[in-house]
Amino acid sequence: MAKGPEKKTKNKALHTKLLNRKKAKIQEEKKEKALRLKVLVTKMNAKRNSSESGDR
């Protein structure tokens, strides 16, 4: 029986590796952004609470 063309497993593996790296980078950026927002919100809440208690 005649075999078909060789499969492109090496190219697929490289492509998958690149895509996984890209996905990981995007997830890491999302985590960092969420952490920065969390810190900022905490800071603003603390500032608001201190200013409210100072006004009374």
N, C-alpha and C. Protein backbone atom coordinates (compact mmCIF):
# COMPACT_ATOMS: atom_id res chain seq x y z
N MET A 1 0.83 -1.18 0.00
CA MET A 1 0.00 0.00 0.00
C MET A 1 0.88 1.25 0.00
N ALA A 2 0.41 2.25 -0.68
CA ALA A 2 1.16 3.50 -0.75
C ALA A 2 0.87 4.33 0.50
N LYS A 3 1.93 4.89 1.02
CA LYS A 3 1.76 5.74 2.20
C LYS A 3 1.49 7.16 1.74
N GLY A 4 0.77 7.89 2.58
CA GLY A 4 0.49 9.28 2.27
C GLY A 4 1.70 10.14 2.60
N PRO A 5 1.57 11.43 2.43
CA PRO A 5 2.69 12.32 2.73
C PRO A 5 3.01 12.29 4.23
N GLU A 6 4.26 12.62 4.56
CA GLU A 6 4.68 12.62 5.95
C GLU A 6 3.87 13.64 6.74
N LYS A 7 3.63 13.30 7.96
CA LYS A 7 2.87 14.22 8.80
C LYS A 7 3.80 15.32 9.30
N LYS A 8 3.21 16.47 9.54
CA LYS A 8 3.99 17.63 9.97
C LYS A 8 3.97 17.75 11.48
N THR A 9 4.43 16.70 12.17
CA THR A 9 4.35 16.71 13.62
C THR A 9 5.30 17.71 14.25
N LYS A 10 6.46 17.92 13.64
CA LYS A 10 7.43 18.85 14.22
C LYS A 10 6.87 20.28 14.18
N ASN A 11 6.31 20.67 13.06
CA ASN A 11 5.74 22.00 12.93
C ASN A 11 4.57 22.18 13.87
N LYS A 12 3.73 21.13 14.00
CA LYS A 12 2.58 21.20 14.90
C LYS A 12 3.05 21.36 16.34
N ALA A 13 4.10 20.64 16.71
CA ALA A 13 4.61 20.72 18.07
C ALA A 13 5.13 22.11 18.38
N LEU A 14 5.84 22.71 17.43
CA LEU A 14 6.36 24.06 17.63
C LEU A 14 5.22 25.07 17.74
N HIS A 15 4.22 24.90 16.90
CA HIS A 15 3.07 25.80 16.90
C HIS A 15 2.32 25.71 18.24
N THR A 16 2.12 24.48 18.70
CA THR A 16 1.44 24.26 19.98
C THR A 16 2.23 24.89 21.11
N LYS A 17 3.54 24.72 21.07
CA LYS A 17 4.41 25.29 22.11
C LYS A 17 4.28 26.82 22.13
N LEU A 18 4.29 27.43 20.95
CA LEU A 18 4.16 28.88 20.87
C LEU A 18 2.80 29.35 21.38
N LEU A 19 1.75 28.64 21.00
CA LEU A 19 0.41 29.01 21.44
C LEU A 19 0.28 28.88 22.96
N ASN A 20 0.83 27.82 23.52
CA ASN A 20 0.78 27.63 24.97
C ASN A 20 1.53 28.74 25.68
N ARG A 21 2.67 29.14 25.11
CA ARG A 21 3.46 30.22 25.70
C ARG A 21 2.65 31.53 25.67
N LYS A 22 1.97 31.76 24.54
CA LYS A 22 1.17 32.98 24.39
C LYS A 22 0.01 32.98 25.39
N LYS A 23 -0.67 31.84 25.54
CA LYS A 23 -1.78 31.74 26.48
C LYS A 23 -1.29 31.97 27.91
N ALA A 24 -0.15 31.40 28.25
CA ALA A 24 0.40 31.55 29.60
C ALA A 24 0.74 33.01 29.87
N LYS A 25 1.30 33.69 28.87
CA LYS A 25 1.67 35.10 29.01
C LYS A 25 0.42 35.95 29.24
N ILE A 26 -0.63 35.69 28.48
CA ILE A 26 -1.87 36.44 28.61
C ILE A 26 -2.48 36.22 29.99
N GLN A 27 -2.47 34.97 30.47
CA GLN A 27 -3.02 34.68 31.79
C GLN A 27 -2.21 35.37 32.88
N GLU A 28 -0.90 35.37 32.74
CA GLU A 28 -0.04 36.03 33.71
C GLU A 28 -0.32 37.54 33.75
N GLU A 29 -0.49 38.13 32.58
CA GLU A 29 -0.81 39.56 32.51
C GLU A 29 -2.14 39.85 33.18
N LYS A 30 -3.13 38.97 32.98
CA LYS A 30 -4.44 39.15 33.62
C LYS A 30 -4.31 39.10 35.13
N LYS A 31 -3.52 38.14 35.63
CA LYS A 31 -3.32 38.02 37.07
C LYS A 31 -2.65 39.26 37.65
N GLU A 32 -1.62 39.74 36.95
CA GLU A 32 -0.91 40.94 37.42
C GLU A 32 -1.84 42.15 37.43
N LYS A 33 -2.66 42.29 36.39
CA LYS A 33 -3.59 43.41 36.31
C LYS A 33 -4.61 43.34 37.44
N ALA A 34 -5.13 42.15 37.70
CA ALA A 34 -6.10 41.97 38.78
C ALA A 34 -5.47 42.30 40.13
N LEU A 35 -4.23 41.90 40.32
CA LEU A 35 -3.53 42.18 41.57
C LEU A 35 -3.31 43.68 41.75
N ARG A 36 -2.91 44.35 40.67
CA ARG A 36 -2.71 45.81 40.74
C ARG A 36 -4.02 46.52 41.08
N LEU A 37 -5.11 46.08 40.45
CA LEU A 37 -6.41 46.68 40.73
C LEU A 37 -6.82 46.45 42.18
N LYS A 38 -6.57 45.24 42.67
CA LYS A 38 -6.92 44.91 44.05
C LYS A 38 -6.17 45.82 45.02
N VAL A 39 -4.88 46.02 44.78
CA VAL A 39 -4.08 46.90 45.63
C VAL A 39 -4.60 48.32 45.57
N LEU A 40 -4.93 48.78 44.37
CA LEU A 40 -5.41 50.14 44.19
C LEU A 40 -6.75 50.34 44.91
N VAL A 41 -7.65 49.38 44.77
CA VAL A 41 -8.95 49.48 45.44
C VAL A 41 -8.77 49.48 46.95
N THR A 42 -7.89 48.64 47.46
CA THR A 42 -7.62 48.60 48.90
C THR A 42 -7.09 49.94 49.38
N LYS A 43 -6.18 50.51 48.61
CA LYS A 43 -5.59 51.80 48.96
C LYS A 43 -6.66 52.90 48.97
N MET A 44 -7.50 52.90 47.95
CA MET A 44 -8.54 53.92 47.86
C MET A 44 -9.56 53.76 49.00
N ASN A 45 -9.92 52.54 49.33
CA ASN A 45 -10.86 52.31 50.43
C ASN A 45 -10.25 52.78 51.75
N ALA A 46 -8.99 52.51 51.97
CA ALA A 46 -8.33 52.94 53.19
C ALA A 46 -8.30 54.46 53.25
N LYS A 47 -8.01 55.10 52.12
CA LYS A 47 -7.96 56.55 52.06
C LYS A 47 -9.35 57.13 52.36
N ARG A 48 -10.39 56.54 51.77
CA ARG A 48 -11.75 57.01 51.96
C ARG A 48 -12.17 56.85 53.43
N ASN A 49 -11.83 55.70 54.01
CA ASN A 49 -12.18 55.43 55.40
C ASN A 49 -11.48 56.41 56.35
N SER A 50 -10.23 56.71 56.07
CA SER A 50 -9.48 57.63 56.94
C SER A 50 -10.02 59.05 56.80
N SER A 51 -10.42 59.44 55.60
CA SER A 51 -10.94 60.80 55.40
C SER A 51 -12.35 60.94 56.01
N GLU A 52 -13.14 59.86 55.97
CA GLU A 52 -14.48 59.90 56.57
C GLU A 52 -14.38 60.00 58.09
N SER A 53 -13.46 59.26 58.69
CA SER A 53 -13.32 59.30 60.13
C SER A 53 -12.72 60.64 60.58
N GLY A 54 -11.94 61.28 59.73
CA GLY A 54 -11.37 62.58 60.05
C GLY A 54 -12.39 63.69 59.96
N ASP A 55 -13.40 63.55 59.10
CA ASP A 55 -14.41 64.57 58.92
C ASP A 55 -15.41 64.61 60.07
N ARG A 56 -15.59 63.49 60.74
CA ARG A 56 -16.60 63.41 61.80
C ARG A 56 -16.10 63.99 63.03
